[in-house]
Amino acid sequence: MPFTKHMTNFPGIPQTAEHLSPYSLGMKGPELFETSRLVLRKPTLADAEAVFSRYASDPEVTRYLGWPRHQSVDDTKAFLIFSDSEWNSWPAGPYLIESRSERKLLGGTGFGFEAPSRAVTGYVLARDAWRYGYATEALTAIVDIAEGLGVELYALCHPHHPASARVLEKCGFRLEKRLEQFADFPNLNPGCREVCLRYVL
């Protein structure tokens, strides 16, 4: 999905606990987080086949996403290696979404950090997980985790994808601005920068 990596110490301001983010004090996001119907968990390399077949290779599922549809399991393995590096470098990273009752893989969500206290978020669900309210439930969990970490969240949405906009609004996001020729949606028009809606909490 659509990274600055420094923190500034201001002269004359003591760096006490109240001036530090939870991450700067060593706090990390949970590797497993449960809601009433879902489990959000840190991915592992063993998830490659399931992620590829359930959603990452599906043209319809990936249509409005900011990353290219996976053409092979190797693409998915590369993502999972990237995911692990994100978890090692930042307060949290990508999460997989599973059903709590069956532990069936439903999709993915998580954080794309730009700074210790700022990250972009989003979600993707397999086709058979659409229209059950899972997106709202998973994204609400991400908002809860972000609040615990002191992280400022935002999300990007294609203007022709109103279903995602509604999910964001249900989770407390508001439209901040319309960004012209801002983002590449590689599964729509590769190489063409398109209008994007930026939502913030």
Protein backbone atom coordinates (compact mmCIF):
# COMPACT_ATOMS: atom_id res chain seq x y z
CA MET A 1 0.00 0.00 0.00
CA PRO A 2 0.57 3.38 -0.48
CA PHE A 3 8.39 6.16 4.43
CA THR A 4 10.20 9.44 6.70
CA LYS A 5 12.07 7.69 9.45
CA HIS A 6 13.29 10.17 12.03
CA MET A 7 12.09 11.78 15.22
CA THR A 8 13.09 15.31 16.18
CA ASN A 9 14.33 16.31 19.60
CA PHE A 10 13.39 19.94 20.24
CA PRO A 11 15.97 21.95 22.20
CA GLY A 12 14.76 22.95 25.61
CA ILE A 13 11.95 20.39 25.77
CA PRO A 14 12.73 17.53 28.17
CA GLN A 15 12.15 14.12 26.60
CA THR A 16 9.96 12.79 29.38
CA ALA A 17 7.35 10.06 28.98
CA GLU A 18 4.59 12.55 28.19
CA HIS A 19 6.59 13.83 25.17
CA LEU A 20 7.27 10.36 23.76
CA SER A 21 5.07 8.07 21.69
CA PRO A 22 4.27 4.65 23.16
CA TYR A 23 6.52 3.12 20.46
CA SER A 24 9.49 5.22 21.58
CA LEU A 25 8.95 3.69 25.02
CA GLY A 26 9.19 0.19 23.55
CA MET A 27 5.48 -0.54 23.04
CA LYS A 28 4.60 -2.80 20.12
CA GLY A 29 1.22 -3.67 18.65
CA PRO A 30 -0.28 -7.06 19.49
CA GLU A 31 0.63 -9.90 17.14
CA LEU A 32 -2.86 -11.32 17.69
CA PHE A 33 -6.03 -9.30 18.28
CA GLU A 34 -9.54 -10.74 18.61
CA THR A 35 -12.93 -9.14 17.96
CA SER A 36 -16.37 -10.71 18.36
CA ARG A 37 -16.09 -12.60 15.05
CA LEU A 38 -12.54 -12.12 13.83
CA VAL A 39 -8.92 -12.81 14.64
CA LEU A 40 -6.27 -10.39 13.36
CA ARG A 41 -2.79 -11.89 13.47
CA LYS A 42 0.74 -11.29 12.23
CA PRO A 43 1.36 -13.20 8.97
CA THR A 44 4.03 -15.86 8.54
CA LEU A 45 5.70 -17.33 5.45
CA ALA A 46 3.56 -20.45 5.92
CA ASP A 47 0.51 -18.37 4.93
CA ALA A 48 1.74 -17.85 1.35
CA GLU A 49 -0.43 -20.40 -0.44
CA ALA A 50 -3.60 -19.37 1.39
CA VAL A 51 -3.06 -15.62 0.88
CA PHE A 52 -2.33 -16.16 -2.81
CA SER A 53 -5.33 -18.36 -3.51
CA ARG A 54 -7.85 -16.61 -1.25
CA TYR A 55 -7.41 -13.01 -2.39
CA ALA A 56 -4.01 -11.80 -3.60
CA SER A 57 -4.40 -13.36 -7.06
CA ASP A 58 -8.07 -12.47 -7.60
CA PRO A 59 -8.53 -9.73 -10.27
CA GLU A 60 -11.84 -8.52 -8.84
CA VAL A 61 -10.65 -8.44 -5.23
CA THR A 62 -7.47 -6.53 -6.08
CA ARG A 63 -9.02 -4.11 -8.55
CA TYR A 64 -8.87 -0.98 -6.37
CA LEU A 65 -5.78 -1.87 -4.33
CA GLY A 66 -2.50 0.03 -4.31
CA TRP A 67 -0.35 -3.06 -4.90
CA PRO A 68 -0.17 -5.24 -8.04
CA ARG A 69 -2.17 -8.46 -8.13
CA HIS A 70 0.07 -11.41 -7.33
CA GLN A 71 0.96 -13.52 -10.36
CA SER A 72 2.56 -16.35 -8.42
CA VAL A 73 3.05 -17.65 -4.89
CA ASP A 74 6.55 -16.17 -5.08
CA ASP A 75 4.96 -12.70 -5.20
CA THR A 76 3.04 -13.56 -2.04
CA LYS A 77 6.17 -14.88 -0.34
CA ALA A 78 7.92 -11.61 -1.15
CA PHE A 79 5.05 -9.71 0.49
CA LEU A 80 5.26 -11.89 3.60
CA ILE A 81 9.01 -11.27 3.87
CA PHE A 82 8.29 -7.54 3.55
CA SER A 83 5.58 -7.91 6.22
CA ASP A 84 8.09 -9.44 8.62
CA SER A 85 10.53 -6.58 8.03
CA GLU A 86 7.75 -4.06 8.75
CA TRP A 87 6.98 -5.75 12.04
CA ASN A 88 10.69 -5.69 12.94
CA SER A 89 11.08 -2.01 12.04
CA TRP A 90 7.87 -0.41 13.28
CA PRO A 91 5.28 -0.66 16.09
CA ALA A 92 3.21 -3.10 13.98
CA GLY A 93 2.66 -4.12 10.36
CA PRO A 94 0.29 -6.11 8.18
CA TYR A 95 -2.31 -8.38 9.75
CA LEU A 96 -4.21 -11.32 8.32
CA ILE A 97 -7.95 -11.47 9.03
CA GLU A 98 -9.39 -14.85 10.02
CA SER A 99 -12.81 -15.97 11.19
CA ARG A 100 -12.74 -16.56 14.92
CA SER A 101 -14.95 -19.66 14.76
CA GLU A 102 -13.16 -21.61 12.00
CA ARG A 103 -9.86 -19.69 11.69
CA LYS A 104 -10.56 -19.44 7.97
CA LEU A 105 -8.51 -16.83 6.14
CA LEU A 106 -10.79 -13.94 5.11
CA GLY A 107 -8.39 -11.19 4.07
CA GLY A 108 -5.80 -8.71 5.26
CA THR A 109 -5.44 -5.29 6.89
CA GLY A 110 -2.85 -3.52 9.02
CA PHE A 111 -0.43 -0.58 9.05
CA GLY A 112 1.96 0.97 6.55
CA PHE A 113 4.15 3.19 8.75
CA GLU A 114 5.68 6.45 7.50
CA ALA A 115 6.90 7.54 10.96
CA PRO A 116 6.57 5.97 14.43
CA SER A 117 3.35 7.90 15.05
CA ARG A 118 1.84 8.00 11.54
CA ALA A 119 0.61 5.19 9.28
CA VAL A 120 -1.71 4.45 6.37
CA THR A 121 -4.23 1.65 6.69
CA GLY A 122 -6.60 -0.28 4.47
CA TYR A 123 -8.08 -3.73 4.01
CA VAL A 124 -8.76 -6.48 1.48
CA LEU A 125 -11.27 -9.33 1.73
CA ALA A 126 -11.74 -12.52 -0.25
CA ARG A 127 -14.90 -12.47 -2.36
CA ASP A 128 -16.80 -14.91 -0.17
CA ALA A 129 -16.16 -12.62 2.83
CA TRP A 130 -17.91 -9.61 1.29
CA ARG A 131 -21.16 -8.17 2.67
CA TYR A 132 -20.85 -9.61 6.19
CA GLY A 133 -19.54 -6.48 7.90
CA TYR A 134 -16.07 -7.97 8.30
CA ALA A 135 -14.33 -4.94 6.78
CA THR A 136 -15.87 -2.58 9.33
CA GLU A 137 -15.10 -4.95 12.20
CA ALA A 138 -11.47 -5.46 11.12
CA LEU A 139 -10.82 -1.77 10.49
CA THR A 140 -12.38 -0.86 13.85
CA ALA A 141 -9.83 -3.20 15.44
CA ILE A 142 -7.01 -1.43 13.59
CA VAL A 143 -8.30 1.92 14.87
CA ASP A 144 -8.31 0.52 18.43
CA ILE A 145 -4.74 -0.76 18.07
CA ALA A 146 -3.62 2.57 16.63
CA GLU A 147 -5.13 4.47 19.55
CA GLY A 148 -3.26 2.24 21.99
CA LEU A 149 0.00 2.94 20.16
CA GLY A 150 -0.60 6.67 19.79
CA VAL A 151 -0.57 6.35 15.99
CA GLU A 152 -2.24 8.84 13.64
CA LEU A 153 -4.05 6.91 10.90
CA TYR A 154 -5.15 7.83 7.41
CA ALA A 155 -6.48 5.88 4.45
CA LEU A 156 -6.63 6.34 0.68
CA CYS A 157 -9.65 5.39 -1.39
CA HIS A 158 -10.43 5.41 -5.12
CA PRO A 159 -13.43 7.67 -5.83
CA HIS A 160 -15.12 4.89 -7.83
CA HIS A 161 -15.11 2.56 -4.83
CA PRO A 162 -17.92 3.93 -2.62
CA ALA A 163 -18.21 0.70 -0.60
CA SER A 164 -14.74 1.30 0.86
CA ALA A 165 -15.58 4.94 1.55
CA ARG A 166 -18.62 3.82 3.53
CA VAL A 167 -16.51 1.41 5.58
CA LEU A 168 -14.05 4.19 6.40
CA GLU A 169 -16.85 6.51 7.47
CA LYS A 170 -18.42 3.82 9.69
CA CYS A 171 -15.05 3.49 11.43
CA GLY A 172 -14.85 7.21 12.19
CA PHE A 173 -12.76 8.42 9.25
CA ARG A 174 -13.71 11.64 7.48
CA LEU A 175 -12.84 12.84 4.01
CA GLU A 176 -9.97 15.33 4.32
CA LYS A 177 -9.17 16.09 0.69
CA ARG A 178 -9.36 14.99 -2.92
CA LEU A 179 -5.88 14.43 -4.36
CA GLU A 180 -5.58 14.88 -8.13
CA GLN A 181 -3.29 12.54 -10.08
CA PHE A 182 -1.94 11.26 -6.80
CA ALA A 183 -1.80 7.48 -6.70
CA ASP A 184 -1.12 4.59 -9.04
CA PHE A 185 -3.74 1.84 -8.93
CA PRO A 186 -1.74 -0.85 -10.77
CA ASN A 187 -4.67 -3.21 -11.32
CA LEU A 188 -6.79 -0.49 -12.97
CA ASN A 189 -4.51 1.58 -15.22
CA PRO A 190 -0.87 0.65 -14.63
CA GLY A 191 1.45 3.62 -14.77
CA CYS A 192 -1.35 6.20 -14.66
CA ARG A 193 -1.66 8.37 -11.58
CA GLU A 194 -5.31 8.76 -10.60
CA VAL A 195 -7.51 10.81 -8.33
CA CYS A 196 -7.47 9.56 -4.75
CA LEU A 197 -9.55 10.42 -1.68
CA ARG A 198 -7.65 10.87 1.58
CA TYR A 199 -9.54 10.00 4.76
CA VAL A 200 -8.33 10.81 8.29
CA LEU A 201 -9.57 10.09 11.80
